[in-house]
């Protein structure tokens, strides 16, 4: 495999300390921004070869191509798509970065949004275009052509994308430029400081090397987002569910790539003064306790909402 040595793509600093070695892979921690990243890591050409149909089938993202199976996959994402669309009040123009097979934005399209996707996998993009009829660009975010008419997006999502990016800071700069004024950016990725990570240790599903190049905590992700001029206003985390782990262990089924997001009720933690204080004051004691418990017994993934 073609590997390259590099500095931190989340801040540009080249100072790091060893963090963890997992098999042949070495993770380091950036001394400037606290991001943990794979160093050395696969080259861009190598990354393109990694994301084949085999990758998606192994991750249980798409095994059955029948009409009923496709409809079921889209249906599983309808509630998630609805929640995301509710974040934008007027302009429902949605760009999903790392859209994979396109099920999430297919659900968004059925809810009335104008949707587009980006994915580095030729197979995934072809599936989204050919089977789901979506508009998907094959390539990286850096290669994505900017609209000649200057139109921005009211909603940009990166659900299970940023951890795969070799250049997270540059990608977030591009996202900030693509958003329309007041637009919403939603990013979901594994939480390095989650209870789930400490429970599983070296076998944590969130490491997923060499596909996951960067690993963030809520603090490092928020600082990275603020660095490009976006304003984080909410943080969601799924609960660590011991029953789910026990059930999956019994049937020998690994965690689905999309498992923590679909069909789960997140705990919500307001992050900034942009959240309506009257709503925060009116929240019930149960909701507040859920937020506290959710931080301590946090599941694998975290979701950050930011506004331009």
Protein backbone atom coordinates (compact mmCIF):
# COMPACT_ATOMS: atom_id res chain seq x y z
CA UNK A 1 0.00 0.00 0.00
CA UNK A 2 1.26 3.48 -0.92
CA UNK A 3 1.69 5.47 2.34
CA UNK A 4 2.70 9.10 2.91
CA UNK A 5 4.07 10.92 5.98
CA UNK A 6 2.45 14.28 6.75
CA UNK A 7 1.54 16.93 9.31
CA UNK A 8 -1.90 17.58 10.76
CA UNK A 9 -4.60 18.19 8.17
CA UNK A 10 -6.88 19.65 10.85
CA UNK A 11 -4.65 22.65 11.65
CA UNK A 12 -1.49 22.47 9.51
CA UNK A 13 0.91 21.95 12.42
CA UNK A 14 3.59 19.28 11.99
CA UNK A 15 4.26 18.67 15.71
CA UNK A 16 2.82 15.48 17.13
CA UNK A 17 3.27 12.89 19.84
CA UNK A 18 2.67 9.13 19.55
CA UNK A 19 -0.86 8.16 20.51
CA UNK A 20 -1.46 4.50 19.72
CA UNK A 21 -0.21 1.70 17.49
CA UNK A 22 -2.80 -0.73 16.16
CA UNK A 23 -1.18 -3.53 14.20
CA UNK A 24 0.82 -1.99 11.37
CA UNK A 25 -0.87 1.40 11.79
CA UNK A 26 0.40 4.32 13.85
CA UNK A 27 -1.86 7.01 15.28
CA UNK A 28 -0.40 10.30 16.49
CA UNK A 29 -1.87 13.23 18.41
CA UNK A 30 -1.41 16.77 17.11
CA UNK A 31 0.23 18.94 19.78
CA UNK A 32 -1.52 22.06 18.48
CA UNK A 33 -5.18 21.05 18.02
CA UNK A 34 -5.49 17.63 19.77
CA UNK A 35 -6.69 15.81 16.66
CA UNK A 36 -5.52 12.20 16.43
CA UNK A 37 -4.60 11.07 12.94
CA UNK A 38 -3.11 8.19 10.98
CA UNK A 39 0.53 8.95 10.12
CA UNK A 40 1.71 7.74 7.67
CA UNK A 41 -1.58 7.28 5.82
CA UNK A 42 -2.74 6.07 2.38
CA UNK A 43 -2.17 8.44 -0.53
CA UNK A 44 -5.12 10.00 -2.33
CA UNK A 45 -4.76 7.51 -5.18
CA UNK A 46 -4.74 4.65 -2.68
CA UNK A 47 -7.90 5.99 -1.00
CA UNK A 48 -9.75 5.90 -4.32
CA UNK A 49 -8.85 2.22 -4.69
CA UNK A 50 -10.04 1.42 -1.14
CA UNK A 51 -13.67 2.47 -1.62
CA UNK A 52 -14.94 -0.24 -3.93
CA UNK A 53 -18.21 -2.20 -3.94
CA UNK A 54 -16.50 -4.70 -1.63
CA UNK A 55 -16.04 -1.97 0.99
CA UNK A 56 -19.74 -1.09 0.96
CA UNK A 57 -20.91 -4.70 1.05
CA UNK A 58 -18.54 -5.54 3.92
CA UNK A 59 -19.90 -2.55 5.83
CA UNK A 60 -23.45 -3.85 5.28
CA UNK A 61 -24.43 -0.60 3.61
CA UNK A 62 -25.85 -2.32 0.54
CA UNK A 63 -26.14 -6.05 0.05
CA UNK A 64 -29.56 -6.49 -1.57
CA UNK A 65 -30.28 -4.43 -4.70
CA UNK A 66 -33.94 -5.41 -5.00
CA UNK A 67 -36.58 -2.69 -5.21
CA UNK A 68 -38.04 -3.66 -1.83
CA UNK A 69 -34.62 -3.59 -0.15
CA UNK A 70 -33.81 -0.17 -1.63
CA UNK A 71 -37.17 1.18 -0.49
CA UNK A 72 -36.53 -0.17 2.99
CA UNK A 73 -33.12 1.53 3.15
CA UNK A 74 -34.63 4.86 2.09
CA UNK A 75 -37.48 4.44 4.56
CA UNK A 76 -35.06 3.89 7.42
CA UNK A 77 -33.62 7.34 6.75
CA UNK A 78 -36.84 9.31 6.37
CA UNK A 79 -37.00 10.43 10.01
CA UNK A 80 -33.33 11.44 10.00
CA UNK A 81 -33.83 13.41 6.78
CA UNK A 82 -36.91 15.07 8.26
CA UNK A 83 -34.98 16.15 11.36
CA UNK A 84 -32.19 17.59 9.23
CA UNK A 85 -34.56 19.50 6.96
CA UNK A 86 -36.25 21.03 10.00
CA UNK A 87 -32.95 22.82 10.73
CA UNK A 88 -33.36 24.97 7.60
CA UNK A 89 -36.34 27.29 7.61
CA UNK A 90 -36.48 28.46 4.00
CA UNK A 91 -33.84 27.25 1.52
CA UNK A 92 -34.01 23.49 1.17
CA UNK A 93 -31.03 23.00 -1.11
CA UNK A 94 -29.05 20.12 0.35
CA UNK A 95 -25.52 18.87 -0.40
CA UNK A 96 -24.43 15.61 1.22
CA UNK A 97 -20.65 15.09 1.27
CA UNK A 98 -19.62 11.44 1.36
CA UNK A 99 -23.15 10.43 0.38
CA UNK A 100 -22.15 6.79 -0.30
CA UNK A 101 -25.11 4.98 -1.91
CA UNK A 102 -27.28 8.09 -1.55
CA UNK A 103 -30.11 6.78 0.63
CA UNK A 104 -30.17 9.77 2.98
CA UNK A 105 -30.54 12.40 0.27
CA UNK A 106 -32.97 10.12 -1.58
CA UNK A 107 -35.15 10.44 1.51
CA UNK A 108 -34.55 14.21 1.48
CA UNK A 109 -35.62 14.41 -2.15
CA UNK A 110 -38.91 12.68 -1.33
CA UNK A 111 -39.46 15.29 1.37
CA UNK A 112 -39.20 18.09 -1.20
CA UNK A 113 -35.53 19.10 -1.05
CA UNK A 114 -33.30 19.85 -4.01
CA UNK A 115 -30.47 17.41 -3.28
CA UNK A 116 -26.94 16.70 -4.51
CA UNK A 117 -24.20 14.37 -3.34
CA UNK A 118 -20.43 13.93 -3.48
CA UNK A 119 -18.56 10.66 -3.05
CA UNK A 120 -15.07 9.44 -3.89
CA UNK A 121 -16.32 5.91 -4.66
CA UNK A 122 -17.09 5.37 -8.33
CA UNK A 123 -19.27 2.39 -7.45
CA UNK A 124 -21.32 4.23 -4.81
CA UNK A 125 -21.82 7.29 -7.01
CA UNK A 126 -22.87 5.13 -9.96
CA UNK A 127 -25.38 3.31 -7.75
CA UNK A 128 -26.84 6.59 -6.45
CA UNK A 129 -27.18 7.98 -9.97
CA UNK A 130 -28.27 4.84 -11.80
CA UNK A 131 -30.54 3.23 -9.22
CA UNK A 132 -31.80 6.18 -7.18
CA UNK A 133 -31.75 8.84 -9.91
CA UNK A 134 -29.72 11.29 -7.83
CA UNK A 135 -27.29 14.00 -8.87
CA UNK A 136 -23.94 12.87 -7.45
CA UNK A 137 -20.41 14.11 -8.21
CA UNK A 138 -17.69 11.44 -8.22
CA UNK A 139 -14.54 12.74 -6.57
CA UNK A 140 -13.31 14.70 -3.58
CA UNK A 141 -14.76 17.87 -2.13
CA UNK A 142 -11.71 19.75 -3.39
CA UNK A 143 -12.54 18.64 -6.93
CA UNK A 144 -16.22 19.55 -6.66
CA UNK A 145 -17.04 22.36 -9.13
CA UNK A 146 -18.46 25.53 -7.59
CA UNK A 147 -21.76 26.73 -9.01
CA UNK A 148 -21.23 29.38 -11.70
CA UNK A 149 -24.38 31.23 -10.61
CA UNK A 150 -23.06 31.63 -7.06
CA UNK A 151 -25.92 29.68 -5.49
CA UNK A 152 -25.17 28.34 -2.03
CA UNK A 153 -26.62 25.45 -0.08
CA UNK A 154 -28.99 25.90 2.82
CA UNK A 155 -27.98 22.54 4.25
CA UNK A 156 -24.68 20.67 3.96
CA UNK A 157 -24.20 17.34 5.69
CA UNK A 158 -21.08 15.24 6.23
CA UNK A 159 -22.41 12.07 7.83
CA UNK A 160 -19.50 9.65 8.35
CA UNK A 161 -17.23 11.68 6.05
CA UNK A 162 -14.81 13.94 7.92
CA UNK A 163 -13.00 11.05 9.60
CA UNK A 164 -12.24 9.71 6.09
CA UNK A 165 -10.84 13.03 4.83
CA UNK A 166 -7.10 13.58 4.47
CA UNK A 167 -7.64 17.36 4.61
CA UNK A 168 -10.40 18.12 7.16
CA UNK A 169 -9.47 21.80 7.60
CA UNK A 170 -9.44 22.50 3.86
CA UNK A 171 -12.70 20.61 3.47
CA UNK A 172 -14.38 22.70 6.18
CA UNK A 173 -13.15 25.89 4.48
CA UNK A 174 -14.80 24.70 1.26
CA UNK A 175 -17.99 23.83 3.14
CA UNK A 176 -18.12 27.32 4.67
CA UNK A 177 -17.82 28.81 1.17
CA UNK A 178 -20.52 26.54 -0.25
CA UNK A 179 -23.05 27.38 2.47
CA UNK A 180 -25.48 30.19 1.83
CA UNK A 181 -25.74 32.93 4.52
CA UNK A 182 -27.49 31.43 7.53
CA UNK A 183 -26.99 27.94 6.10
CA UNK A 184 -26.60 24.90 8.35
CA UNK A 185 -23.74 22.41 8.43
CA UNK A 186 -24.26 19.05 10.16
CA UNK A 187 -21.33 16.69 10.70
CA UNK A 188 -21.47 13.19 12.19
CA UNK A 189 -18.39 11.15 13.05
CA UNK A 190 -17.01 8.85 15.77
CA UNK A 191 -16.37 10.45 19.17
CA UNK A 192 -12.82 9.66 20.32
CA UNK A 193 -13.68 10.51 23.92
CA UNK A 194 -16.89 8.47 24.04
CA UNK A 195 -17.65 5.81 26.63
CA UNK A 196 -18.02 3.42 23.68
CA UNK A 197 -14.37 4.00 22.72
CA UNK A 198 -13.06 3.39 26.25
CA UNK A 199 -15.25 0.29 26.59
CA UNK A 200 -13.93 -1.32 23.40
CA UNK A 201 -10.34 -0.05 23.59
CA UNK A 202 -8.15 -1.15 20.69
CA UNK A 203 -11.06 -3.03 19.10
CA UNK A 204 -13.23 0.11 18.96
CA UNK A 205 -15.18 0.20 15.71
CA UNK A 206 -14.47 3.93 15.36
CA UNK A 207 -10.76 3.37 14.64
CA UNK A 208 -11.57 1.46 11.41
CA UNK A 209 -8.06 1.76 10.01
CA UNK A 210 -6.94 2.67 7.42
CA UNK A 211 -10.29 4.14 6.31
CA UNK A 212 -10.67 6.54 9.24
CA UNK A 213 -7.79 8.99 8.97
CA UNK A 214 -8.77 11.48 11.70
CA UNK A 215 -10.29 11.10 15.16
CA UNK A 216 -11.86 14.01 17.05
CA UNK A 217 -13.34 14.79 20.44
CA UNK A 218 -16.32 17.15 20.83
CA UNK A 219 -13.88 19.93 21.82
CA UNK A 220 -11.44 19.48 18.94
CA UNK A 221 -14.30 19.19 16.45
CA UNK A 222 -15.92 22.36 17.73
CA UNK A 223 -12.63 24.32 17.56
CA UNK A 224 -12.05 23.10 14.00
CA UNK A 225 -15.53 24.21 12.97
CA UNK A 226 -15.12 27.63 14.59
CA UNK A 227 -11.76 28.10 12.87
CA UNK A 228 -13.47 28.34 9.45
CA UNK A 229 -16.04 30.87 10.70
CA UNK A 230 -18.96 28.55 11.41
CA UNK A 231 -20.86 28.85 14.71
CA UNK A 232 -21.64 25.55 16.47
CA UNK A 233 -25.04 25.70 18.18
CA UNK A 234 -25.90 22.12 19.09
CA UNK A 235 -24.22 18.83 19.89
CA UNK A 236 -25.96 15.45 19.78
CA UNK A 237 -24.65 12.13 21.02
CA UNK A 238 -26.23 8.71 21.02
CA UNK A 239 -26.44 6.74 24.25
CA UNK A 240 -24.15 3.78 24.73
CA UNK A 241 -26.60 0.90 24.70
CA UNK A 242 -25.27 -2.31 26.34
CA UNK A 243 -28.25 -4.32 25.07
CA UNK A 244 -27.42 -3.41 21.46
CA UNK A 245 -23.84 -4.61 21.93
CA UNK A 246 -24.96 -7.83 23.61
CA UNK A 247 -27.51 -8.57 20.89
CA UNK A 248 -25.02 -7.93 18.08
CA UNK A 249 -22.40 -10.08 19.78
CA UNK A 250 -24.87 -12.98 20.03
CA UNK A 251 -25.71 -12.92 16.33
CA UNK A 252 -22.14 -12.18 15.22
CA UNK A 253 -23.23 -9.01 13.46
CA UNK A 254 -20.78 -6.12 13.44
CA UNK A 255 -21.94 -2.53 13.92
CA UNK A 256 -23.54 -1.20 10.76
CA UNK A 257 -21.85 1.83 9.25
CA UNK A 258 -25.07 3.79 9.79
CA UNK A 259 -26.20 2.03 12.98
CA UNK A 260 -25.95 4.78 15.65
CA UNK A 261 -27.82 7.41 13.59
CA UNK A 262 -30.89 5.75 12.11
CA UNK A 263 -33.75 5.02 14.47
CA UNK A 264 -32.04 6.50 17.51
CA UNK A 265 -33.14 9.43 19.68
CA UNK A 266 -30.10 11.63 20.40
CA UNK A 267 -29.34 13.49 23.58
CA UNK A 268 -29.13 17.22 22.86
CA UNK A 269 -26.62 19.65 24.32
CA UNK A 270 -27.08 23.35 23.34
CA UNK A 271 -23.67 24.88 22.63
CA UNK A 272 -24.04 28.61 22.13
CA UNK A 273 -26.07 31.70 22.85
CA UNK A 274 -27.72 31.30 19.44
CA UNK A 275 -30.00 28.70 21.06
CA UNK A 276 -33.21 30.30 22.35
CA UNK A 277 -32.68 30.71 26.14
CA UNK A 278 -36.40 30.42 26.84
CA UNK A 279 -36.45 26.99 25.20
CA UNK A 280 -33.43 25.91 27.24
CA UNK A 281 -35.10 27.14 30.44
CA UNK A 282 -38.30 25.31 29.60
CA UNK A 283 -36.59 21.97 29.07
CA UNK A 284 -37.70 19.34 31.54
CA UNK A 285 -35.56 17.87 34.29
CA UNK A 286 -35.68 14.52 32.50
CA UNK A 287 -34.24 16.09 29.35
CA UNK A 288 -31.44 17.70 31.35
CA UNK A 289 -30.60 14.39 33.03
CA UNK A 290 -30.59 12.67 29.64
CA UNK A 291 -28.06 15.23 28.41
CA UNK A 292 -25.79 14.57 31.41
CA UNK A 293 -26.10 10.79 31.11
CA UNK A 294 -25.59 11.04 27.37
CA UNK A 295 -22.26 12.80 27.86
CA UNK A 296 -21.00 10.22 30.34
CA UNK A 297 -22.36 7.07 28.69
CA UNK A 298 -21.96 8.29 25.14
CA UNK A 299 -22.25 6.03 22.13
CA UNK A 300 -19.83 5.81 19.25
CA UNK A 301 -20.94 8.79 17.19
CA UNK A 302 -21.37 12.52 17.79
CA UNK A 303 -23.25 15.04 15.66
CA UNK A 304 -22.37 18.74 15.57
CA UNK A 305 -24.68 21.42 14.14
CA UNK A 306 -23.15 24.73 13.01
CA UNK A 307 -24.52 27.84 11.32
CA UNK A 308 -22.84 30.18 8.88
